[in-house]
């Protein structure tokens, strides 16, 4: 193979045909980053629900509350977007038609997970964030099963 490559580079008229079945090199896909981002969505949702507004009318108290609330929302939305990005990378780059044959509910699983990411961006809803985690776990399990492995879904 190396000889072919060197000869191809030296002889500009020669072509070297290569094949790839995905955008990245084999073995680089892993749903772990999806889990980490989804966990952040869940954690920020819990923090937002637990955050109590000040009981006083003190502007400094309200400024601190507003700042904290805004930061939690920003992180939750950013991580929901990241979760969706990672899910869609697995869907478009890793999963192939053969996986749909083996896992006939894969398309709907991905679709629902992506829709939950959007819902978690626009809402502060613990049930939706927990449901997102369950879909991320399902995708994790399908992914590793498709590789002939059974890596545990370990939450931080």
C-alpha atoms as a PDB file:
ATOM      1  CA  UNK A   1       0.000   0.000   0.000  1.00  0.00           C
ATOM      2  CA  UNK A   2       2.809   2.421   0.879  1.00  0.00           C
ATOM      3  CA  UNK A   3       4.559   1.609  -2.406  1.00  0.00           C
ATOM      4  CA  UNK A   4       1.356   2.408  -4.304  1.00  0.00           C
ATOM      5  CA  UNK A   5       1.037   5.721  -2.466  1.00  0.00           C
ATOM      6  CA  UNK A   6       4.648   6.740  -3.153  1.00  0.00           C
ATOM      7  CA  UNK A   7       4.370   5.721  -6.808  1.00  0.00           C
ATOM      8  CA  UNK A   8       1.115   7.625  -7.086  1.00  0.00           C
ATOM      9  CA  UNK A   9       2.694  10.774  -5.662  1.00  0.00           C
ATOM     10  CA  UNK A  10       5.728  10.505  -7.958  1.00  0.00           C
ATOM     11  CA  UNK A  11       3.681   9.712 -11.048  1.00  0.00           C
ATOM     12  CA  UNK A  12       1.079  12.473 -11.261  1.00  0.00           C
ATOM     13  CA  UNK A  13      -0.780  10.643 -14.042  1.00  0.00           C
ATOM     14  CA  UNK A  14      -1.439   7.723 -11.741  1.00  0.00           C
ATOM     15  CA  UNK A  15      -4.432   7.728  -9.425  1.00  0.00           C
ATOM     16  CA  UNK A  16      -4.838   6.015  -6.111  1.00  0.00           C
ATOM     17  CA  UNK A  17      -8.338   4.878  -5.285  1.00  0.00           C
ATOM     18  CA  UNK A  18      -9.309   4.884  -1.615  1.00  0.00           C
ATOM     19  CA  UNK A  19     -12.544   3.958   0.177  1.00  0.00           C
ATOM     20  CA  UNK A  20     -14.057   5.043   3.475  1.00  0.00           C
ATOM     21  CA  UNK A  21     -17.442   4.267   4.981  1.00  0.00           C
ATOM     22  CA  UNK A  22     -17.603   7.203   7.421  1.00  0.00           C
ATOM     23  CA  UNK A  23     -16.307  10.751   7.836  1.00  0.00           C
ATOM     24  CA  UNK A  24     -13.883   9.929  10.636  1.00  0.00           C
ATOM     25  CA  UNK A  25     -11.383   7.135  10.951  1.00  0.00           C
ATOM     26  CA  UNK A  26     -12.833   3.872  12.205  1.00  0.00           C
ATOM     27  CA  UNK A  27     -12.980   3.622  15.951  1.00  0.00           C
ATOM     28  CA  UNK A  28     -13.304   7.335  16.743  1.00  0.00           C
ATOM     29  CA  UNK A  29     -17.042   7.282  17.445  1.00  0.00           C
ATOM     30  CA  UNK A  30     -18.158   6.946  21.042  1.00  0.00           C
ATOM     31  CA  UNK A  31     -21.446   7.991  22.676  1.00  0.00           C
ATOM     32  CA  UNK A  32     -19.664   9.071  25.886  1.00  0.00           C
ATOM     33  CA  UNK A  33     -19.659  12.753  24.932  1.00  0.00           C
ATOM     34  CA  UNK A  34     -23.409  12.496  24.317  1.00  0.00           C
ATOM     35  CA  UNK A  35     -23.911  11.162  27.854  1.00  0.00           C
ATOM     36  CA  UNK A  36     -21.765  13.879  29.425  1.00  0.00           C
ATOM     37  CA  UNK A  37     -23.681  16.642  27.642  1.00  0.00           C
ATOM     38  CA  UNK A  38     -27.072  15.105  28.498  1.00  0.00           C
ATOM     39  CA  UNK A  39     -26.022  14.785  32.142  1.00  0.00           C
ATOM     40  CA  UNK A  40     -25.209  18.496  32.154  1.00  0.00           C
ATOM     41  CA  UNK A  41     -28.705  19.233  30.804  1.00  0.00           C
ATOM     42  CA  UNK A  42     -30.210  17.164  33.612  1.00  0.00           C
ATOM     43  CA  UNK A  43     -27.979  18.755  36.270  1.00  0.00           C
ATOM     44  CA  UNK A  44     -28.766  22.308  35.131  1.00  0.00           C
ATOM     45  CA  UNK A  45     -32.481  21.511  35.007  1.00  0.00           C
ATOM     46  CA  UNK A  46     -32.317  20.298  38.610  1.00  0.00           C
ATOM     47  CA  UNK A  47     -30.355  23.399  39.651  1.00  0.00           C
ATOM     48  CA  UNK A  48     -32.881  25.691  37.962  1.00  0.00           C
ATOM     49  CA  UNK A  49     -35.802  23.984  39.679  1.00  0.00           C
ATOM     50  CA  UNK A  50     -34.044  24.229  43.053  1.00  0.00           C
ATOM     51  CA  UNK A  51     -33.082  27.888  42.592  1.00  0.00           C
ATOM     52  CA  UNK A  52     -35.229  30.114  44.788  1.00  0.00           C
ATOM     53  CA  UNK A  53     -35.781  33.772  43.974  1.00  0.00           C
ATOM     54  CA  UNK A  54     -34.912  36.238  46.727  1.00  0.00           C
ATOM     55  CA  UNK A  55     -37.660  37.006  49.208  1.00  0.00           C
ATOM     56  CA  UNK A  56     -36.490  40.605  49.503  1.00  0.00           C
ATOM     57  CA  UNK A  57     -36.714  43.477  47.068  1.00  0.00           C
ATOM     58  CA  UNK A  58     -33.004  44.173  47.388  1.00  0.00           C
ATOM     59  CA  UNK A  59     -31.616  44.863  43.918  1.00  0.00           C
ATOM     60  CA  UNK A  60     -28.267  43.207  44.685  1.00  0.00           C
ATOM     61  CA  UNK A  61     -30.049  39.981  45.712  1.00  0.00           C
ATOM     62  CA  UNK A  62     -32.129  40.065  42.540  1.00  0.00           C
ATOM     63  CA  UNK A  63     -29.089  40.799  40.389  1.00  0.00           C
ATOM     64  CA  UNK A  64     -27.259  37.803  41.870  1.00  0.00           C
ATOM     65  CA  UNK A  65     -30.320  35.579  41.383  1.00  0.00           C
ATOM     66  CA  UNK A  66     -30.810  36.762  37.787  1.00  0.00           C
ATOM     67  CA  UNK A  67     -27.146  36.198  37.012  1.00  0.00           C
ATOM     68  CA  UNK A  68     -27.199  32.664  38.416  1.00  0.00           C
ATOM     69  CA  UNK A  69     -30.495  31.838  36.693  1.00  0.00           C
ATOM     70  CA  UNK A  70     -29.187  33.153  33.358  1.00  0.00           C
ATOM     71  CA  UNK A  71     -25.952  31.200  33.634  1.00  0.00           C
ATOM     72  CA  UNK A  72     -27.792  27.949  34.450  1.00  0.00           C
ATOM     73  CA  UNK A  73     -30.118  28.463  31.482  1.00  0.00           C
ATOM     74  CA  UNK A  74     -27.214  29.254  29.154  1.00  0.00           C
ATOM     75  CA  UNK A  75     -25.343  26.101  30.185  1.00  0.00           C
ATOM     76  CA  UNK A  76     -28.501  23.968  29.907  1.00  0.00           C
ATOM     77  CA  UNK A  77     -29.223  25.246  26.395  1.00  0.00           C
ATOM     78  CA  UNK A  78     -25.602  24.917  25.258  1.00  0.00           C
ATOM     79  CA  UNK A  79     -25.386  21.348  26.527  1.00  0.00           C
ATOM     80  CA  UNK A  80     -28.748  20.404  24.978  1.00  0.00           C
ATOM     81  CA  UNK A  81     -27.406  21.691  21.668  1.00  0.00           C
ATOM     82  CA  UNK A  82     -24.188  19.705  22.183  1.00  0.00           C
ATOM     83  CA  UNK A  83     -26.172  16.564  23.024  1.00  0.00           C
ATOM     84  CA  UNK A  84     -28.151  16.921  19.808  1.00  0.00           C
ATOM     85  CA  UNK A  85     -24.979  17.505  17.785  1.00  0.00           C
ATOM     86  CA  UNK A  86     -23.365  14.365  19.194  1.00  0.00           C
ATOM     87  CA  UNK A  87     -26.505  12.274  18.612  1.00  0.00           C
ATOM     88  CA  UNK A  88     -26.715  13.468  15.014  1.00  0.00           C
ATOM     89  CA  UNK A  89     -23.024  12.726  14.417  1.00  0.00           C
ATOM     90  CA  UNK A  90     -23.628   9.134  15.493  1.00  0.00           C
ATOM     91  CA  UNK A  91     -26.759   9.001  13.329  1.00  0.00           C
ATOM     92  CA  UNK A  92     -25.234  10.451  10.177  1.00  0.00           C
ATOM     93  CA  UNK A  93     -21.642   9.219  10.425  1.00  0.00           C
ATOM     94  CA  UNK A  94     -21.640   5.971  12.390  1.00  0.00           C
ATOM     95  CA  UNK A  95     -24.983   4.212  11.974  1.00  0.00           C
ATOM     96  CA  UNK A  96     -25.498   2.555   8.582  1.00  0.00           C
ATOM     97  CA  UNK A  97     -28.427   0.773   6.860  1.00  0.00           C
ATOM     98  CA  UNK A  98     -27.290  -2.541   8.330  1.00  0.00           C
ATOM     99  CA  UNK A  99     -27.843  -1.080  11.808  1.00  0.00           C
ATOM    100  CA  UNK A 100     -31.438  -0.197  10.877  1.00  0.00           C
ATOM    101  CA  UNK A 101     -31.985  -3.812   9.890  1.00  0.00           C
ATOM    102  CA  UNK A 102     -30.688  -4.991  13.252  1.00  0.00           C
ATOM    103  CA  UNK A 103     -32.321  -2.200  15.293  1.00  0.00           C
ATOM    104  CA  UNK A 104     -35.595  -1.322  13.526  1.00  0.00           C
ATOM    105  CA  UNK A 105     -36.478   1.340  16.133  1.00  0.00           C
ATOM    106  CA  UNK A 106     -33.145   3.153  15.727  1.00  0.00           C
ATOM    107  CA  UNK A 107     -34.542   5.904  13.484  1.00  0.00           C
ATOM    108  CA  UNK A 108     -37.370   6.696  15.895  1.00  0.00           C
ATOM    109  CA  UNK A 109     -35.019   6.504  18.899  1.00  0.00           C
ATOM    110  CA  UNK A 110     -32.657   9.056  17.334  1.00  0.00           C
ATOM    111  CA  UNK A 111     -35.555  11.262  16.235  1.00  0.00           C
ATOM    112  CA  UNK A 112     -37.130  11.287  19.714  1.00  0.00           C
ATOM    113  CA  UNK A 113     -33.770  11.952  21.369  1.00  0.00           C
ATOM    114  CA  UNK A 114     -33.104  14.906  19.060  1.00  0.00           C
ATOM    115  CA  UNK A 115     -36.608  16.281  19.711  1.00  0.00           C
ATOM    116  CA  UNK A 116     -36.018  15.948  23.459  1.00  0.00           C
ATOM    117  CA  UNK A 117     -32.819  17.971  23.111  1.00  0.00           C
ATOM    118  CA  UNK A 118     -34.872  20.770  21.579  1.00  0.00           C
ATOM    119  CA  UNK A 119     -37.522  20.479  24.291  1.00  0.00           C
ATOM    120  CA  UNK A 120     -34.857  20.649  27.003  1.00  0.00           C
ATOM    121  CA  UNK A 121     -33.479  23.834  25.442  1.00  0.00           C
ATOM    122  CA  UNK A 122     -36.783  25.679  25.606  1.00  0.00           C
ATOM    123  CA  UNK A 123     -38.202  24.277  28.843  1.00  0.00           C
ATOM    124  CA  UNK A 124     -37.205  23.711  32.430  1.00  0.00           C
ATOM    125  CA  UNK A 125     -38.783  20.293  32.707  1.00  0.00           C
ATOM    126  CA  UNK A 126     -37.245  17.555  34.846  1.00  0.00           C
ATOM    127  CA  UNK A 127     -39.304  14.789  33.192  1.00  0.00           C
ATOM    128  CA  UNK A 128     -38.005  15.780  29.739  1.00  0.00           C
ATOM    129  CA  UNK A 129     -34.393  15.940  30.942  1.00  0.00           C
ATOM    130  CA  UNK A 130     -34.724  12.492  32.545  1.00  0.00           C
ATOM    131  CA  UNK A 131     -36.366  11.115  29.391  1.00  0.00           C
ATOM    132  CA  UNK A 132     -33.484  12.524  27.347  1.00  0.00           C
ATOM    133  CA  UNK A 133     -31.064  10.612  29.579  1.00  0.00           C
ATOM    134  CA  UNK A 134     -33.018   7.397  28.997  1.00  0.00           C
ATOM    135  CA  UNK A 135     -32.824   7.884  25.214  1.00  0.00           C
ATOM    136  CA  UNK A 136     -29.112   8.643  25.411  1.00  0.00           C
ATOM    137  CA  UNK A 137     -28.689   5.400  27.360  1.00  0.00           C
ATOM    138  CA  UNK A 138     -30.658   3.503  24.712  1.00  0.00           C
ATOM    139  CA  UNK A 139     -28.443   4.972  21.953  1.00  0.00           C
ATOM    140  CA  UNK A 140     -25.361   4.077  24.013  1.00  0.00           C
ATOM    141  CA  UNK A 141     -26.540   0.476  24.334  1.00  0.00           C
ATOM    142  CA  UNK A 142     -27.369   0.143  20.625  1.00  0.00           C
ATOM    143  CA  UNK A 143     -24.034   1.671  19.666  1.00  0.00           C
ATOM    144  CA  UNK A 144     -21.942  -0.702  21.775  1.00  0.00           C
ATOM    145  CA  UNK A 145     -24.082  -3.718  20.913  1.00  0.00           C
ATOM    146  CA  UNK A 146     -23.548  -2.932  17.226  1.00  0.00           C
ATOM    147  CA  UNK A 147     -19.819  -3.204  17.894  1.00  0.00           C
ATOM    148  CA  UNK A 148     -20.227  -6.516  19.690  1.00  0.00           C
ATOM    149  CA  UNK A 149     -19.530  -4.985  23.097  1.00  0.00           C
ATOM    150  CA  UNK A 150     -21.577  -4.336  26.211  1.00  0.00           C
ATOM    151  CA  UNK A 151     -19.927  -1.260  27.732  1.00  0.00           C
ATOM    152  CA  UNK A 152     -21.780  -0.109  30.846  1.00  0.00           C
ATOM    153  CA  UNK A 153     -23.670   3.167  30.840  1.00  0.00           C
ATOM    154  CA  UNK A 154     -22.016   4.872  33.803  1.00  0.00           C
ATOM    155  CA  UNK A 155     -23.394   8.191  34.974  1.00  0.00           C
ATOM    156  CA  UNK A 156     -21.099  10.623  36.727  1.00  0.00           C
END
